[in-house]
Amino acid sequence: MLTLLLLSLLWGSAFLMNDYVVEGFEPFTVVAGRLAIAGLALSTVLLMTGRSLPARSNWALLVVIAVVNNVAPFTLITWAQQHIESSLAATLIATMPLITFVIAAAMGAEAPTPEKGAGVVVGFIGAAVLIGPSLDDVTSSSALGELAVVAASLCYALGTIISREWLRGEPVALAWGQIAIGAVVAAPLALLFEGVPDGGAPASAWTALAGLGLFSSAAAYILFFSLIQRMPATNVAIVSYLIPVVATLLGWLVLGEDIGLSLLLGLALIVGGMMAVNGSARAWLTRAPRSEAPAAGG
């Protein structure tokens, strides 16, 4: 449980750091720099601990995961946060477990039930509450930003299922392989579409970029791969319960973002849907009454 909480903190704070990093860099440059920093950090860990590189049989799969779990979603979210607030982006990313279940059920890897089906519907209603007002003009920057985040959720769902179903190996080596390949893919895209950074970015953008690489990528993916091999994909996706909460609180405390009624309602519906999909709702509703012994603490 502590590992899930830490992973939620690492990924939830990424939305705050994205808000700073887009002030100094373009999206592909952010992704290339983030993955390069993370790759160097993990290379150091591999060398210092004497770990081997990923098995040759994993490399083709790591290429796929690097694209769908790193390059594509990182780029989509970074671009989106040029147009929407960090708390909204994080809340929309919370649709990932719902999409994960839909894909896993279609593959036969998850058993659909009425409860889970209802959870998917409720969760997507929550997403509609958030996105709906912007769809009056689907070409607006805010609407496109929101849809980009939902597309990123789809990418993360695919990456989670692929990792769970087919990828096996030592967590640090797998994290290094995914991130190193992602950096190799993202770097030429950054140079092609955005050119060489001029170095004039503010210090806050450089600091945020380092944080994204070291904490929200390198450290987070070591934890992610250690969890994904021990839990079902939808259970690991429980981190998405806390990611929007962390991001919303940080956005409010640090960036002064408004926590409006639509955000709270959308978040509540999405989290409720996730709980139903993961079976948490039934567990809470059917929990046996506590004994009459006094509670610990005070």
Protein backbone atom coordinates (compact mmCIF):
# COMPACT_ATOMS: atom_id res chain seq x y z
CA MET A 1 0.00 0.00 0.00
CA LEU A 2 2.83 2.41 0.84
CA THR A 3 4.34 1.74 -2.58
CA LEU A 4 1.04 2.63 -4.26
CA LEU A 5 0.85 5.85 -2.24
CA LEU A 6 4.41 6.82 -3.16
CA LEU A 7 3.76 6.10 -6.82
CA SER A 8 0.63 8.26 -6.67
CA LEU A 9 2.66 11.12 -5.20
CA LEU A 10 5.38 10.83 -7.83
CA TRP A 11 2.93 10.79 -10.72
CA GLY A 12 0.51 13.28 -9.17
CA SER A 13 3.24 15.90 -8.71
CA ALA A 14 4.17 15.55 -12.40
CA PHE A 15 1.20 17.72 -13.34
CA LEU A 16 2.49 20.55 -11.15
CA MET A 17 5.96 20.24 -12.68
CA ASN A 18 4.47 20.19 -16.17
CA ASP A 19 2.86 23.54 -15.45
CA TYR A 20 6.30 25.05 -14.87
CA VAL A 21 8.18 23.20 -17.59
CA VAL A 22 5.87 24.32 -20.42
CA GLU A 23 6.87 27.90 -19.62
CA GLY A 24 10.32 27.19 -21.00
CA PHE A 25 10.16 24.28 -23.41
CA GLU A 26 8.04 22.85 -26.22
CA PRO A 27 6.30 19.46 -25.70
CA PHE A 28 8.63 17.14 -27.64
CA THR A 29 11.65 18.84 -26.06
CA VAL A 30 10.13 18.29 -22.61
CA VAL A 31 9.57 14.61 -23.30
CA ALA A 32 13.04 14.08 -24.79
CA GLY A 33 14.72 15.89 -21.88
CA ARG A 34 12.59 14.12 -19.26
CA LEU A 35 13.37 10.69 -20.68
CA ALA A 36 17.07 11.46 -21.21
CA ILE A 37 17.45 12.54 -17.56
CA ALA A 38 15.56 9.47 -16.38
CA GLY A 39 17.64 7.22 -18.64
CA LEU A 40 20.90 8.59 -17.25
CA ALA A 41 19.65 8.15 -13.68
CA LEU A 42 18.63 4.55 -14.30
CA SER A 43 21.89 3.82 -16.12
CA THR A 44 23.71 4.91 -12.97
CA VAL A 45 21.52 2.61 -10.87
CA LEU A 46 22.20 -0.31 -13.22
CA LEU A 47 25.96 0.24 -13.08
CA MET A 48 26.12 0.77 -9.32
CA THR A 49 24.03 -2.29 -8.53
CA GLY A 50 25.51 -4.60 -11.17
CA ARG A 51 22.16 -5.33 -12.78
CA SER A 52 21.96 -6.76 -16.29
CA LEU A 53 20.23 -5.15 -19.25
CA PRO A 54 16.74 -6.38 -20.18
CA ALA A 55 16.60 -9.83 -21.78
CA ARG A 56 16.86 -9.82 -25.56
CA SER A 57 13.37 -11.30 -25.78
CA ASN A 58 11.93 -8.14 -24.16
CA TRP A 59 13.38 -5.53 -26.49
CA ALA A 60 10.67 -5.56 -29.17
CA LEU A 61 7.98 -5.27 -26.50
CA LEU A 62 9.88 -2.47 -24.76
CA VAL A 63 9.87 -0.47 -27.99
CA VAL A 64 6.08 -0.69 -28.10
CA ILE A 65 5.74 0.20 -24.41
CA ALA A 66 8.17 3.10 -24.74
CA VAL A 67 5.94 4.65 -27.38
CA VAL A 68 2.51 3.97 -25.84
CA ASN A 69 3.48 4.41 -22.18
CA ASN A 70 6.00 7.26 -22.45
CA VAL A 71 6.47 9.20 -25.65
CA ALA A 72 2.84 9.46 -26.78
CA PRO A 73 1.12 10.18 -23.42
CA PHE A 74 3.90 12.45 -22.13
CA THR A 75 3.67 14.53 -25.31
CA LEU A 76 -0.12 14.69 -25.24
CA ILE A 77 -0.26 15.73 -21.57
CA THR A 78 2.54 18.28 -21.90
CA TRP A 79 0.85 19.87 -24.90
CA ALA A 80 -2.53 19.80 -23.14
CA GLN A 81 -1.17 21.62 -20.09
CA GLN A 82 -0.36 24.58 -22.27
CA HIS A 83 -4.13 25.02 -22.54
CA ILE A 84 -5.80 23.51 -19.43
CA GLU A 85 -5.10 23.51 -15.69
CA SER A 86 -3.03 20.80 -14.03
CA SER A 87 -5.92 19.65 -11.79
CA LEU A 88 -8.21 19.12 -14.79
CA ALA A 89 -5.53 17.22 -16.68
CA ALA A 90 -4.89 14.94 -13.70
CA THR A 91 -8.60 14.29 -13.16
CA LEU A 92 -9.11 13.29 -16.80
CA ILE A 93 -6.09 10.98 -16.59
CA ALA A 94 -8.01 9.16 -13.85
CA THR A 95 -10.17 7.62 -16.58
CA MET A 96 -7.22 5.32 -17.30
CA PRO A 97 -8.42 2.42 -15.07
CA LEU A 98 -11.82 2.55 -16.74
CA ILE A 99 -10.25 2.32 -20.19
CA THR A 100 -7.90 -0.38 -18.88
CA PHE A 101 -10.86 -2.49 -17.82
CA VAL A 102 -12.73 -2.03 -21.12
CA ILE A 103 -9.69 -3.14 -23.12
CA ALA A 104 -8.85 -5.99 -20.73
CA ALA A 105 -12.45 -7.23 -20.85
CA ALA A 106 -12.44 -7.12 -24.65
CA MET A 107 -9.25 -9.21 -24.61
CA GLY A 108 -10.76 -11.70 -22.16
CA ALA A 109 -8.23 -10.81 -19.47
CA GLU A 110 -10.90 -9.34 -17.15
CA ALA A 111 -14.36 -10.76 -16.41
CA PRO A 112 -17.14 -8.18 -17.03
CA THR A 113 -19.86 -7.94 -14.37
CA PRO A 114 -22.88 -5.64 -13.96
CA GLU A 115 -21.06 -3.79 -11.17
CA LYS A 116 -18.00 -3.18 -13.31
CA GLY A 117 -20.11 -2.19 -16.29
CA ALA A 118 -21.97 0.34 -14.16
CA GLY A 119 -18.65 1.64 -12.88
CA VAL A 120 -17.43 2.26 -16.42
CA VAL A 121 -20.62 4.16 -17.26
CA VAL A 122 -20.46 6.28 -14.09
CA GLY A 123 -16.78 7.04 -14.61
CA PHE A 124 -17.25 8.17 -18.17
CA ILE A 125 -20.21 10.33 -17.10
CA GLY A 126 -17.73 12.03 -14.77
CA ALA A 127 -15.38 12.63 -17.71
CA ALA A 128 -18.31 14.02 -19.70
CA VAL A 129 -19.10 16.45 -16.85
CA LEU A 130 -15.57 17.81 -17.16
CA ILE A 131 -15.29 17.85 -20.94
CA GLY A 132 -18.89 18.63 -21.90
CA PRO A 133 -18.83 22.44 -21.51
CA SER A 134 -15.80 22.70 -23.81
CA LEU A 135 -17.38 20.65 -26.59
CA ASP A 136 -19.49 23.62 -27.74
CA ASP A 137 -16.40 24.36 -29.81
CA VAL A 138 -14.36 21.19 -30.33
CA THR A 139 -11.68 23.20 -32.11
CA SER A 140 -10.98 25.39 -29.08
CA SER A 141 -7.64 24.97 -27.36
CA SER A 142 -9.26 23.89 -24.08
CA ALA A 143 -11.42 21.23 -25.74
CA LEU A 144 -8.48 19.87 -27.72
CA GLY A 145 -6.38 19.86 -24.55
CA GLU A 146 -9.00 17.84 -22.67
CA LEU A 147 -9.35 15.35 -25.52
CA ALA A 148 -5.56 15.04 -25.70
CA VAL A 149 -5.49 14.00 -22.03
CA VAL A 150 -8.17 11.36 -22.64
CA ALA A 151 -6.06 10.06 -25.55
CA ALA A 152 -3.11 9.90 -23.14
CA SER A 153 -5.27 7.83 -20.76
CA LEU A 154 -5.90 5.38 -23.59
CA CYS A 155 -2.15 5.13 -24.18
CA TYR A 156 -1.48 4.46 -20.49
CA ALA A 157 -4.20 1.80 -20.41
CA LEU A 158 -2.63 -0.01 -23.36
CA GLY A 159 0.82 0.24 -21.77
CA THR A 160 -0.46 -1.12 -18.46
CA ILE A 161 -2.12 -4.14 -20.08
CA ILE A 162 0.84 -4.93 -22.34
CA SER A 163 3.22 -4.72 -19.38
CA ARG A 164 1.00 -6.89 -17.21
CA GLU A 165 0.25 -9.58 -19.77
CA TRP A 166 3.54 -10.05 -21.59
CA LEU A 167 6.49 -8.26 -19.98
CA ARG A 168 8.62 -10.10 -17.42
CA GLY A 169 11.99 -9.23 -15.96
CA GLU A 170 13.91 -7.28 -13.35
CA PRO A 171 12.05 -3.98 -12.61
CA VAL A 172 15.01 -1.58 -12.82
CA ALA A 173 16.20 -3.13 -16.08
CA LEU A 174 12.72 -2.96 -17.59
CA ALA A 175 12.28 0.66 -16.50
CA TRP A 176 15.67 1.54 -17.99
CA GLY A 177 14.87 -0.22 -21.26
CA GLN A 178 11.52 1.50 -21.66
CA ILE A 179 12.82 4.96 -20.81
CA ALA A 180 16.07 4.69 -22.79
CA ILE A 181 14.18 3.61 -25.90
CA GLY A 182 11.67 6.40 -25.30
CA ALA A 183 14.49 8.96 -25.19
CA VAL A 184 15.91 7.63 -28.46
CA VAL A 185 12.46 7.95 -30.08
CA ALA A 186 11.66 11.39 -28.63
CA ALA A 187 14.99 13.13 -29.28
CA PRO A 188 14.81 13.18 -33.11
CA LEU A 189 11.15 14.23 -32.94
CA ALA A 190 12.14 17.18 -30.75
CA LEU A 191 14.93 18.22 -33.10
CA LEU A 192 12.76 17.78 -36.19
CA PHE A 193 9.70 19.70 -34.98
CA GLU A 194 11.12 22.11 -32.38
CA GLY A 195 14.84 22.47 -33.05
CA VAL A 196 17.62 22.83 -30.50
CA PRO A 197 16.50 24.58 -27.27
CA ASP A 198 18.00 28.06 -26.98
CA GLY A 199 18.84 27.67 -23.29
CA GLY A 200 16.80 30.71 -22.28
CA ALA A 201 14.26 28.81 -20.21
CA PRO A 202 13.71 30.04 -16.62
CA ALA A 203 15.31 28.19 -13.73
CA SER A 204 11.90 26.93 -12.61
CA ALA A 205 11.44 25.15 -15.96
CA TRP A 206 14.86 23.48 -15.73
CA THR A 207 14.17 22.40 -12.14
CA ALA A 208 10.79 20.99 -13.12
CA LEU A 209 12.33 19.12 -16.05
CA ALA A 210 14.87 17.53 -13.72
CA GLY A 211 12.09 16.56 -11.30
CA LEU A 212 10.06 14.99 -14.10
CA GLY A 213 13.05 12.92 -15.16
CA LEU A 214 14.38 11.84 -11.79
CA PHE A 215 11.19 11.38 -9.78
CA SER A 216 8.13 11.13 -12.03
CA SER A 217 9.94 8.91 -14.55
CA ALA A 218 13.00 7.08 -13.20
CA ALA A 219 11.83 6.42 -9.64
CA ALA A 220 8.17 6.04 -10.60
CA TYR A 221 8.73 3.42 -13.28
CA ILE A 222 10.90 1.27 -11.02
CA LEU A 223 7.94 1.19 -8.62
CA PHE A 224 5.48 0.66 -11.48
CA PHE A 225 7.25 -2.38 -12.90
CA SER A 226 7.70 -3.90 -9.45
CA LEU A 227 3.94 -3.58 -8.86
CA ILE A 228 2.68 -4.58 -12.28
CA GLN A 229 4.26 -8.03 -11.98
CA ARG A 230 2.61 -8.66 -8.60
CA MET A 231 -0.91 -7.28 -9.14
CA PRO A 232 -3.62 -7.33 -11.83
CA ALA A 233 -3.51 -4.35 -14.17
CA THR A 234 -6.71 -2.82 -12.79
CA ASN A 235 -5.39 -3.11 -9.21
CA VAL A 236 -2.20 -1.24 -10.07
CA ALA A 237 -4.43 1.35 -11.72
CA ILE A 238 -5.77 2.17 -8.22
CA VAL A 239 -2.96 4.74 -8.06
CA SER A 240 -5.20 6.81 -10.29
CA TYR A 241 -7.56 7.28 -7.29
CA LEU A 242 -4.94 9.45 -5.66
CA ILE A 243 -3.16 11.04 -8.62
CA PRO A 244 -5.91 13.64 -9.29
CA VAL A 245 -6.24 14.34 -5.56
CA VAL A 246 -2.50 15.01 -5.25
CA ALA A 247 -2.46 17.10 -8.43
CA THR A 248 -5.56 19.09 -7.45
CA LEU A 249 -4.20 19.90 -3.99
CA LEU A 250 -0.82 20.92 -5.39
CA GLY A 251 -2.48 23.00 -8.10
CA TRP A 252 -4.57 24.78 -5.47
CA LEU A 253 -1.75 25.25 -2.95
CA VAL A 254 1.09 26.16 -5.33
CA LEU A 255 -0.54 27.48 -8.50
CA GLY A 256 -3.70 28.99 -7.03
CA GLU A 257 -5.96 26.95 -9.32
CA ASP A 258 -9.68 27.04 -8.60
CA ILE A 259 -11.39 23.89 -7.31
CA GLY A 260 -14.84 24.31 -8.82
CA LEU A 261 -18.02 22.29 -8.42
CA SER A 262 -17.71 20.64 -11.85
CA LEU A 263 -14.19 19.46 -11.04
CA LEU A 264 -15.27 17.97 -7.71
CA LEU A 265 -18.34 16.33 -9.26
CA GLY A 266 -16.39 14.91 -12.17
CA LEU A 267 -13.67 13.63 -9.86
CA ALA A 268 -16.23 12.01 -7.53
CA LEU A 269 -17.94 10.22 -10.43
CA ILE A 270 -14.65 9.03 -11.93
CA VAL A 271 -13.33 7.76 -8.59
CA GLY A 272 -16.69 6.08 -7.87
CA GLY A 273 -16.54 4.40 -11.26
CA MET A 274 -13.00 3.22 -10.62
CA MET A 275 -14.00 1.79 -7.24
CA ALA A 276 -16.79 -0.21 -8.87
CA VAL A 277 -14.50 -1.49 -11.62
CA ASN A 278 -11.89 -2.57 -9.08
CA GLY A 279 -14.43 -4.06 -6.68
CA SER A 280 -13.65 -1.53 -3.96
CA ALA A 281 -17.20 -0.21 -3.83
CA ARG A 282 -18.74 -3.59 -2.99
CA ALA A 283 -16.03 -4.30 -0.42
CA TRP A 284 -16.79 -1.03 1.36
CA LEU A 285 -20.56 -1.42 1.19
CA THR A 286 -20.51 -5.00 2.50
CA ARG A 287 -17.84 -4.46 5.14
CA ALA A 288 -18.80 -6.19 8.39
CA PRO A 289 -19.78 -3.84 11.23
CA ARG A 290 -17.02 -3.03 13.66
CA SER A 291 -17.12 -4.49 17.17
CA GLU A 292 -18.01 -2.19 20.01
CA ALA A 293 -14.42 -2.09 21.25
CA PRO A 294 -13.06 1.46 21.41
CA ALA A 295 -11.09 2.63 18.39
CA ALA A 296 -7.37 3.11 18.69
CA GLY A 297 -5.94 6.60 18.54
CA GLY A 298 -7.77 9.82 19.13
